[in-house]
PDB file of all heavy atoms in Angstrom:
ATOM      1  N   LYS A   1     100.942 103.435  86.838  1.00  0.00           N
ATOM      2  CA  LYS A   1     100.302 102.436  87.704  1.00  0.00           C
ATOM      3  C   LYS A   1      98.851 102.224  87.300  1.00  0.00           C
ATOM      4  O   LYS A   1      98.142 103.176  87.058  1.00  0.00           O
ATOM      5  CB  LYS A   1     100.362 102.889  89.158  1.00  0.00           C
ATOM      6  CG  LYS A   1     101.783 103.025  89.682  1.00  0.00           C
ATOM      7  CD  LYS A   1     101.787 103.546  91.112  1.00  0.00           C
ATOM      8  CE  LYS A   1     103.197 103.729  91.582  1.00  0.00           C
ATOM      9  NZ  LYS A   1     103.239 104.285  92.955  1.00  0.00           N
ATOM     10  N   GLY A   2      98.458 100.961  87.231  1.00  0.00           N
ATOM     11  CA  GLY A   2      97.078 100.596  86.956  1.00  0.00           C
ATOM     12  C   GLY A   2      96.555  99.765  88.104  1.00  0.00           C
ATOM     13  O   GLY A   2      97.234  99.597  89.127  1.00  0.00           O
ATOM     14  N   GLU A   3      95.382  99.199  87.925  1.00  0.00           N
ATOM     15  CA  GLU A   3      94.807  98.339  88.930  1.00  0.00           C
ATOM     16  C   GLU A   3      94.400  97.020  88.288  1.00  0.00           C
ATOM     17  O   GLU A   3      94.099  96.973  87.094  1.00  0.00           O
ATOM     18  CB  GLU A   3      93.588  98.971  89.581  1.00  0.00           C
ATOM     19  CG  GLU A   3      93.936 100.173  90.456  1.00  0.00           C
ATOM     20  CD  GLU A   3      92.735 100.668  91.234  1.00  0.00           C
ATOM     21  OE1 GLU A   3      91.718  99.959  91.299  1.00  0.00           O
ATOM     22  OE2 GLU A   3      92.841 101.768  91.783  1.00  0.00           O
ATOM     23  N   ILE A   4      94.374  95.989  89.077  1.00  0.00           N
ATOM     24  CA  ILE A   4      93.812  94.691  88.684  1.00  0.00           C
ATOM     25  C   ILE A   4      92.710  94.387  89.662  1.00  0.00           C
ATOM     26  O   ILE A   4      92.906  94.434  90.880  1.00  0.00           O
ATOM     27  CB  ILE A   4      94.894  93.588  88.717  1.00  0.00           C
ATOM     28  CG1 ILE A   4      95.997  93.884  87.694  1.00  0.00           C
ATOM     29  CG2 ILE A   4      94.262  92.228  88.466  1.00  0.00           C
ATOM     30  CD1 ILE A   4      97.191  92.971  87.793  1.00  0.00           C
ATOM     31  N   THR A   5      91.526  94.073  89.139  1.00  0.00           N
ATOM     32  CA  THR A   5      90.376  93.727  89.985  1.00  0.00           C
ATOM     33  C   THR A   5      90.046  92.270  89.781  1.00  0.00           C
ATOM     34  O   THR A   5      89.872  91.815  88.636  1.00  0.00           O
ATOM     35  CB  THR A   5      89.153  94.594  89.596  1.00  0.00           C
ATOM     36  OG1 THR A   5      89.523  95.979  89.688  1.00  0.00           O
ATOM     37  CG2 THR A   5      87.980  94.303  90.495  1.00  0.00           C
ATOM     38  N   VAL A   6      89.985  91.516  90.863  1.00  0.00           N
ATOM     39  CA  VAL A   6      89.666  90.090  90.824  1.00  0.00           C
ATOM     40  C   VAL A   6      88.380  89.869  91.639  1.00  0.00           C
ATOM     41  O   VAL A   6      88.350  90.132  92.823  1.00  0.00           O
ATOM     42  CB  VAL A   6      90.830  89.235  91.385  1.00  0.00           C
ATOM     43  CG1 VAL A   6      90.473  87.767  91.353  1.00  0.00           C
ATOM     44  CG2 VAL A   6      92.112  89.518  90.621  1.00  0.00           C
ATOM     45  N   ALA A   7      87.345  89.376  90.952  1.00  0.00           N
ATOM     46  CA  ALA A   7      86.063  89.137  91.600  1.00  0.00           C
ATOM     47  C   ALA A   7      86.108  87.861  92.443  1.00  0.00           C
ATOM     48  O   ALA A   7      87.114  87.154  92.474  1.00  0.00           O
ATOM     49  CB  ALA A   7      84.986  89.029  90.541  1.00  0.00           C
ATOM     50  N   ASP A   8      85.002  87.530  93.064  1.00  0.00           N
ATOM     51  CA  ASP A   8      84.882  86.321  93.865  1.00  0.00           C
ATOM     52  C   ASP A   8      84.854  85.080  92.966  1.00  0.00           C
ATOM     53  O   ASP A   8      84.416  85.130  91.819  1.00  0.00           O
ATOM     54  CB  ASP A   8      83.599  86.352  94.690  1.00  0.00           C
ATOM     55  CG  ASP A   8      83.646  87.395  95.787  1.00  0.00           C
ATOM     56  OD1 ASP A   8      84.766  87.777  96.218  1.00  0.00           O
ATOM     57  OD2 ASP A   8      82.572  87.854  96.215  1.00  0.00           O
ATOM     58  N   HIS A   9      85.300  83.962  93.537  1.00  0.00           N
ATOM     59  CA  HIS A   9      85.230  82.650  92.908  1.00  0.00           C
ATOM     60  C   HIS A   9      86.040  82.604  91.610  1.00  0.00           C
ATOM     61  O   HIS A   9      85.573  82.146  90.568  1.00  0.00           O
ATOM     62  CB  HIS A   9      83.788  82.219  92.681  1.00  0.00           C
ATOM     63  CG  HIS A   9      82.966  82.306  93.916  1.00  0.00           C
ATOM     64  ND1 HIS A   9      83.150  81.476  95.006  1.00  0.00           N
ATOM     65  CD2 HIS A   9      81.995  83.184  94.284  1.00  0.00           C
ATOM     66  CE1 HIS A   9      82.313  81.814  95.957  1.00  0.00           C
ATOM     67  NE2 HIS A   9      81.613  82.857  95.550  1.00  0.00           N
ATOM     68  N   VAL A  10      87.278  83.102  91.702  1.00  0.00           N
ATOM     69  CA  VAL A  10      88.214  83.128  90.566  1.00  0.00           C
ATOM     70  C   VAL A  10      89.402  82.251  90.931  1.00  0.00           C
ATOM     71  O   VAL A  10      89.884  82.277  92.060  1.00  0.00           O
ATOM     72  CB  VAL A  10      88.664  84.581  90.272  1.00  0.00           C
ATOM     73  CG1 VAL A  10      89.823  84.610  89.301  1.00  0.00           C
ATOM     74  CG2 VAL A  10      87.498  85.398  89.753  1.00  0.00           C
ATOM     75  N   TRP A  11      89.900  81.525  89.939  1.00  0.00           N
ATOM     76  CA  TRP A  11      91.119  80.743  90.117  1.00  0.00           C
ATOM     77  C   TRP A  11      92.114  81.232  89.066  1.00  0.00           C
ATOM     78  O   TRP A  11      91.834  81.166  87.877  1.00  0.00           O
ATOM     79  CB  TRP A  11      90.850  79.258  89.962  1.00  0.00           C
ATOM     80  CG  TRP A  11      92.088  78.412  89.972  1.00  0.00           C
ATOM     81  CD1 TRP A  11      93.249  78.668  90.663  1.00  0.00           C
ATOM     82  CD2 TRP A  11      92.294  77.185  89.291  1.00  0.00           C
ATOM     83  NE1 TRP A  11      94.148  77.672  90.441  1.00  0.00           N
ATOM     84  CE2 TRP A  11      93.582  76.735  89.615  1.00  0.00           C
ATOM     85  CE3 TRP A  11      91.498  76.416  88.457  1.00  0.00           C
ATOM     86  CZ2 TRP A  11      94.111  75.558  89.103  1.00  0.00           C
ATOM     87  CZ3 TRP A  11      92.026  75.237  87.961  1.00  0.00           C
ATOM     88  CH2 TRP A  11      93.307  74.822  88.289  1.00  0.00           C
ATOM     89  N   ILE A  12      93.255  81.716  89.509  1.00  0.00           N
ATOM     90  CA  ILE A  12      94.330  82.134  88.627  1.00  0.00           C
ATOM     91  C   ILE A  12      95.461  81.131  88.808  1.00  0.00           C
ATOM     92  O   ILE A  12      96.064  81.041  89.884  1.00  0.00           O
ATOM     93  CB  ILE A  12      94.802  83.584  88.927  1.00  0.00           C
ATOM     94  CG1 ILE A  12      93.617  84.540  88.753  1.00  0.00           C
ATOM     95  CG2 ILE A  12      95.963  83.956  88.023  1.00  0.00           C
ATOM     96  CD1 ILE A  12      93.911  85.959  89.160  1.00  0.00           C
ATOM     97  N   ALA A  13      95.736  80.387  87.757  1.00  0.00           N
ATOM     98  CA  ALA A  13      96.725  79.324  87.832  1.00  0.00           C
ATOM     99  C   ALA A  13      98.159  79.840  87.787  1.00  0.00           C
ATOM    100  O   ALA A  13      98.397  81.030  87.542  1.00  0.00           O
ATOM    101  CB  ALA A  13      96.490  78.317  86.698  1.00  0.00           C
ATOM    102  N   THR A  14      99.084  78.948  87.994  1.00  0.00           N
ATOM    103  CA  THR A  14     100.509  79.254  88.079  1.00  0.00           C
ATOM    104  C   THR A  14     101.027  80.013  86.867  1.00  0.00           C
ATOM    105  O   THR A  14     100.723  79.695  85.728  1.00  0.00           O
ATOM    106  CB  THR A  14     101.298  77.952  88.226  1.00  0.00           C
ATOM    107  OG1 THR A  14     100.818  77.252  89.367  1.00  0.00           O
ATOM    108  CG2 THR A  14     102.784  78.203  88.385  1.00  0.00           C
ATOM    109  N   GLU A  15     101.826  81.020  87.134  1.00  0.00           N
ATOM    110  CA  GLU A  15     102.546  81.827  86.153  1.00  0.00           C
ATOM    111  C   GLU A  15     101.659  82.572  85.163  1.00  0.00           C
ATOM    112  O   GLU A  15     102.119  82.992  84.111  1.00  0.00           O
ATOM    113  CB  GLU A  15     103.569  80.963  85.395  1.00  0.00           C
ATOM    114  CG  GLU A  15     104.656  80.447  86.320  1.00  0.00           C
ATOM    115  CD  GLU A  15     105.742  79.677  85.602  1.00  0.00           C
ATOM    116  OE1 GLU A  15     105.726  79.600  84.342  1.00  0.00           O
ATOM    117  OE2 GLU A  15     106.616  79.117  86.269  1.00  0.00           O
ATOM    118  N   ALA A  16     100.387  82.762  85.488  1.00  0.00           N
ATOM    119  CA  ALA A  16      99.531  83.566  84.634  1.00  0.00           C
ATOM    120  C   ALA A  16      99.924  85.033  84.764  1.00  0.00           C
ATOM    121  O   ALA A  16     100.364  85.469  85.827  1.00  0.00           O
ATOM    122  CB  ALA A  16      98.061  83.393  85.033  1.00  0.00           C
ATOM    123  N   PHE A  17      99.798  85.773  83.682  1.00  0.00           N
ATOM    124  CA  PHE A  17     100.102  87.200  83.682  1.00  0.00           C
ATOM    125  C   PHE A  17      98.788  87.954  83.522  1.00  0.00           C
ATOM    126  O   PHE A  17      98.056  87.731  82.570  1.00  0.00           O
ATOM    127  CB  PHE A  17     101.023  87.556  82.508  1.00  0.00           C
ATOM    128  CG  PHE A  17     101.287  89.030  82.382  1.00  0.00           C
ATOM    129  CD1 PHE A  17     102.307  89.644  83.040  1.00  0.00           C
ATOM    130  CD2 PHE A  17     100.448  89.812  81.575  1.00  0.00           C
ATOM    131  CE1 PHE A  17     102.526  91.000  82.926  1.00  0.00           C
ATOM    132  CE2 PHE A  17     100.661  91.156  81.439  1.00  0.00           C
ATOM    133  CZ  PHE A  17     101.699  91.778  82.113  1.00  0.00           C
ATOM    134  N   ILE A  18      98.506  88.841  84.464  1.00  0.00           N
ATOM    135  CA  ILE A  18      97.330  89.722  84.392  1.00  0.00           C
ATOM    136  C   ILE A  18      97.844  91.136  84.260  1.00  0.00           C
ATOM    137  O   ILE A  18      98.574  91.620  85.134  1.00  0.00           O
ATOM    138  CB  ILE A  18      96.445  89.593  85.663  1.00  0.00           C
ATOM    139  CG1 ILE A  18      96.195  88.142  86.062  1.00  0.00           C
ATOM    140  CG2 ILE A  18      95.152  90.366  85.451  1.00  0.00           C
ATOM    141  CD1 ILE A  18      95.418  87.335  85.078  1.00  0.00           C
ATOM    142  N   GLY A  19      97.510  91.791  83.169  1.00  0.00           N
ATOM    143  CA  GLY A  19      98.018  93.134  82.909  1.00  0.00           C
ATOM    144  C   GLY A  19      97.279  94.220  83.663  1.00  0.00           C
ATOM    145  O   GLY A  19      96.254  93.981  84.330  1.00  0.00           O
ATOM    146  N   PRO A  20      97.787  95.464  83.564  1.00  0.00           N
ATOM    147  CA  PRO A  20      97.168  96.579  84.266  1.00  0.00           C
ATOM    148  C   PRO A  20      95.785  96.902  83.709  1.00  0.00           C
ATOM    149  O   PRO A  20      95.507  96.724  82.536  1.00  0.00           O
ATOM    150  CB  PRO A  20      98.138  97.744  84.007  1.00  0.00           C
ATOM    151  CG  PRO A  20      98.915  97.360  82.792  1.00  0.00           C
ATOM    152  CD  PRO A  20      98.966  95.872  82.778  1.00  0.00           C
ATOM    153  N   ASN A  21      94.929  97.380  84.623  1.00  0.00           N
ATOM    154  CA  ASN A  21      93.552  97.819  84.310  1.00  0.00           C
ATOM    155  C   ASN A  21      92.677  96.688  83.767  1.00  0.00           C
ATOM    156  O   ASN A  21      91.755  96.937  82.988  1.00  0.00           O
ATOM    157  CB  ASN A  21      93.590  99.006  83.330  1.00  0.00           C
ATOM    158  CG  ASN A  21      94.382 100.149  83.897  1.00  0.00           C
ATOM    159  OD1 ASN A  21      94.203 100.519  85.052  1.00  0.00           O
ATOM    160  ND2 ASN A  21      95.302 100.689  83.118  1.00  0.00           N
ATOM    161  N   VAL A  22      92.946  95.471  84.193  1.00  0.00           N
ATOM    162  CA  VAL A  22      92.143  94.310  83.803  1.00  0.00           C
ATOM    163  C   VAL A  22      91.232  93.928  84.952  1.00  0.00           C
ATOM    164  O   VAL A  22      91.633  93.972  86.137  1.00  0.00           O
ATOM    165  CB  VAL A  22      93.061  93.114  83.427  1.00  0.00           C
ATOM    166  CG1 VAL A  22      92.255  91.836  83.294  1.00  0.00           C
ATOM    167  CG2 VAL A  22      93.808  93.423  82.149  1.00  0.00           C
ATOM    168  N   GLU A  23      90.000  93.598  84.631  1.00  0.00           N
ATOM    169  CA  GLU A  23      89.023  93.101  85.617  1.00  0.00           C
ATOM    170  C   GLU A  23      88.749  91.641  85.306  1.00  0.00           C
ATOM    171  O   GLU A  23      88.340  91.297  84.196  1.00  0.00           O
ATOM    172  CB  GLU A  23      87.736  93.904  85.544  1.00  0.00           C
ATOM    173  CG  GLU A  23      87.890  95.351  85.959  1.00  0.00           C
ATOM    174  CD  GLU A  23      86.585  96.122  85.937  1.00  0.00           C
ATOM    175  OE1 GLU A  23      85.522  95.485  86.027  1.00  0.00           O
ATOM    176  OE2 GLU A  23      86.647  97.339  85.815  1.00  0.00           O
ATOM    177  N   ILE A  24      88.956  90.779  86.309  1.00  0.00           N
ATOM    178  CA  ILE A  24      88.636  89.364  86.198  1.00  0.00           C
ATOM    179  C   ILE A  24      87.252  89.176  86.806  1.00  0.00           C
ATOM    180  O   ILE A  24      87.051  89.423  87.984  1.00  0.00           O
ATOM    181  CB  ILE A  24      89.678  88.480  86.914  1.00  0.00           C
ATOM    182  CG1 ILE A  24      91.117  88.802  86.447  1.00  0.00           C
ATOM    183  CG2 ILE A  24      89.344  87.011  86.717  1.00  0.00           C
ATOM    184  CD1 ILE A  24      91.372  88.532  84.983  1.00  0.00           C
ATOM    185  N   ALA A  25      86.300  88.786  85.951  1.00  0.00           N
ATOM    186  CA  ALA A  25      84.897  88.667  86.341  1.00  0.00           C
ATOM    187  C   ALA A  25      84.686  87.463  87.268  1.00  0.00           C
ATOM    188  O   ALA A  25      85.556  86.582  87.369  1.00  0.00           O
ATOM    189  CB  ALA A  25      84.035  88.534  85.090  1.00  0.00           C
ATOM    190  N   PRO A  26      83.543  87.374  87.939  1.00  0.00           N
ATOM    191  CA  PRO A  26      83.248  86.252  88.814  1.00  0.00           C
ATOM    192  C   PRO A  26      83.199  84.912  88.063  1.00  0.00           C
ATOM    193  O   PRO A  26      82.832  84.855  86.912  1.00  0.00           O
ATOM    194  CB  PRO A  26      81.873  86.576  89.377  1.00  0.00           C
ATOM    195  CG  PRO A  26      81.621  88.017  89.113  1.00  0.00           C
ATOM    196  CD  PRO A  26      82.444  88.350  87.928  1.00  0.00           C
ATOM    197  N   HIS A  27      83.587  83.861  88.811  1.00  0.00           N
ATOM    198  CA  HIS A  27      83.521  82.488  88.295  1.00  0.00           C
ATOM    199  C   HIS A  27      84.344  82.310  87.024  1.00  0.00           C
ATOM    200  O   HIS A  27      83.865  81.782  86.039  1.00  0.00           O
ATOM    201  CB  HIS A  27      82.062  82.059  88.072  1.00  0.00           C
ATOM    202  CG  HIS A  27      81.207  82.216  89.295  1.00  0.00           C
ATOM    203  ND1 HIS A  27      81.293  81.375  90.367  1.00  0.00           N
ATOM    204  CD2 HIS A  27      80.307  83.166  89.609  1.00  0.00           C
ATOM    205  CE1 HIS A  27      80.451  81.791  91.294  1.00  0.00           C
ATOM    206  NE2 HIS A  27      79.841  82.876  90.865  1.00  0.00           N
ATOM    207  N   VAL A  28      85.582  82.761  87.072  1.00  0.00           N
ATOM    208  CA  VAL A  28      86.487  82.645  85.942  1.00  0.00           C
ATOM    209  C   VAL A  28      87.705  81.837  86.359  1.00  0.00           C
ATOM    210  O   VAL A  28      88.186  81.942  87.498  1.00  0.00           O
ATOM    211  CB  VAL A  28      86.934  84.051  85.449  1.00  0.00           C
ATOM    212  CG1 VAL A  28      88.151  83.997  84.548  1.00  0.00           C
ATOM    213  CG2 VAL A  28      85.776  84.738  84.749  1.00  0.00           C
ATOM    214  N   VAL A  29      88.202  81.022  85.439  1.00  0.00           N
ATOM    215  CA  VAL A  29      89.456  80.292  85.621  1.00  0.00           C
ATOM    216  C   VAL A  29      90.440  80.846  84.586  1.00  0.00           C
ATOM    217  O   VAL A  29      90.097  80.919  83.395  1.00  0.00           O
ATOM    218  CB  VAL A  29      89.269  78.761  85.385  1.00  0.00           C
ATOM    219  CG1 VAL A  29      90.609  78.062  85.406  1.00  0.00           C
ATOM    220  CG2 VAL A  29      88.328  78.182  86.435  1.00  0.00           C
ATOM    221  N   ILE A  30      91.617  81.229  85.062  1.00  0.00           N
ATOM    222  CA  ILE A  30      92.701  81.682  84.194  1.00  0.00           C
ATOM    223  C   ILE A  30      93.721  80.547  84.183  1.00  0.00           C
ATOM    224  O   ILE A  30      94.283  80.210  85.219  1.00  0.00           O
ATOM    225  CB  ILE A  30      93.360  82.979  84.681  1.00  0.00           C
ATOM    226  CG1 ILE A  30      92.329  84.106  84.901  1.00  0.00           C
ATOM    227  CG2 ILE A  30      94.472  83.407  83.760  1.00  0.00           C
ATOM    228  CD1 ILE A  30      91.639  84.585  83.652  1.00  0.00           C
ATOM    229  N   GLY A  31      93.971  79.953  83.029  1.00  0.00           N
ATOM    230  CA  GLY A  31      94.868  78.815  82.922  1.00  0.00           C
ATOM    231  C   GLY A  31      96.328  79.189  83.135  1.00  0.00           C
ATOM    232  O   GLY A  31      96.718  80.355  83.059  1.00  0.00           O
ATOM    233  N   ALA A  32      97.133  78.171  83.424  1.00  0.00           N
ATOM    234  CA  ALA A  32      98.559  78.366  83.651  1.00  0.00           C
ATOM    235  C   ALA A  32      99.200  79.072  82.465  1.00  0.00           C
ATOM    236  O   ALA A  32      98.939  78.740  81.307  1.00  0.00           O
ATOM    237  CB  ALA A  32      99.233  77.006  83.879  1.00  0.00           C
ATOM    238  N   ARG A  33     100.017  80.078  82.782  1.00  0.00           N
ATOM    239  CA  ARG A  33     100.776  80.864  81.810  1.00  0.00           C
ATOM    240  C   ARG A  33      99.943  81.659  80.825  1.00  0.00           C
ATOM    241  O   ARG A  33     100.440  82.154  79.812  1.00  0.00           O
ATOM    242  CB  ARG A  33     101.785  79.999  81.084  1.00  0.00           C
ATOM    243  CG  ARG A  33     102.831  79.424  82.021  1.00  0.00           C
ATOM    244  CD  ARG A  33     103.932  78.743  81.287  1.00  0.00           C
ATOM    245  NE  ARG A  33     104.959  78.305  82.248  1.00  0.00           N
ATOM    246  CZ  ARG A  33     106.078  77.753  81.894  1.00  0.00           C
ATOM    247  NH1 ARG A  33     106.344  77.528  80.625  1.00  0.00           N
ATOM    248  NH2 ARG A  33     106.935  77.391  82.823  1.00  0.00           N
ATOM    249  N   ALA A  34      98.664  81.815  81.093  1.00  0.00           N
ATOM    250  CA  ALA A  34      97.820  82.644  80.231  1.00  0.00           C
ATOM    251  C   ALA A  34      98.272  84.092  80.367  1.00  0.00           C
ATOM    252  O   ALA A  34      98.779  84.515  81.406  1.00  0.00           O
ATOM    253  CB  ALA A  34      96.350  82.517  80.647  1.00  0.00           C
ATOM    254  N   VAL A  35      98.053  84.879  79.305  1.00  0.00           N
ATOM    255  CA  VAL A  35      98.398  86.292  79.320  1.00  0.00           C
ATOM    256  C   VAL A  35      97.104  87.080  79.106  1.00  0.00           C
ATOM    257  O   VAL A  35      96.559  87.123  77.990  1.00  0.00           O
ATOM    258  CB  VAL A  35      99.422  86.629  78.215  1.00  0.00           C
ATOM    259  CG1 VAL A  35      99.712  88.134  78.186  1.00  0.00           C
ATOM    260  CG2 VAL A  35     100.711  85.849  78.440  1.00  0.00           C
TER     261      VAL A  35
END
């Protein structure tokens, strides 16, 4: 088991994959189906 951290003001689009132990920084957009 890992963790995923998502900061404020983040948009994660449809079907995006975020793996374990990843930190999404503030003011980030993750596009659809991004890995």
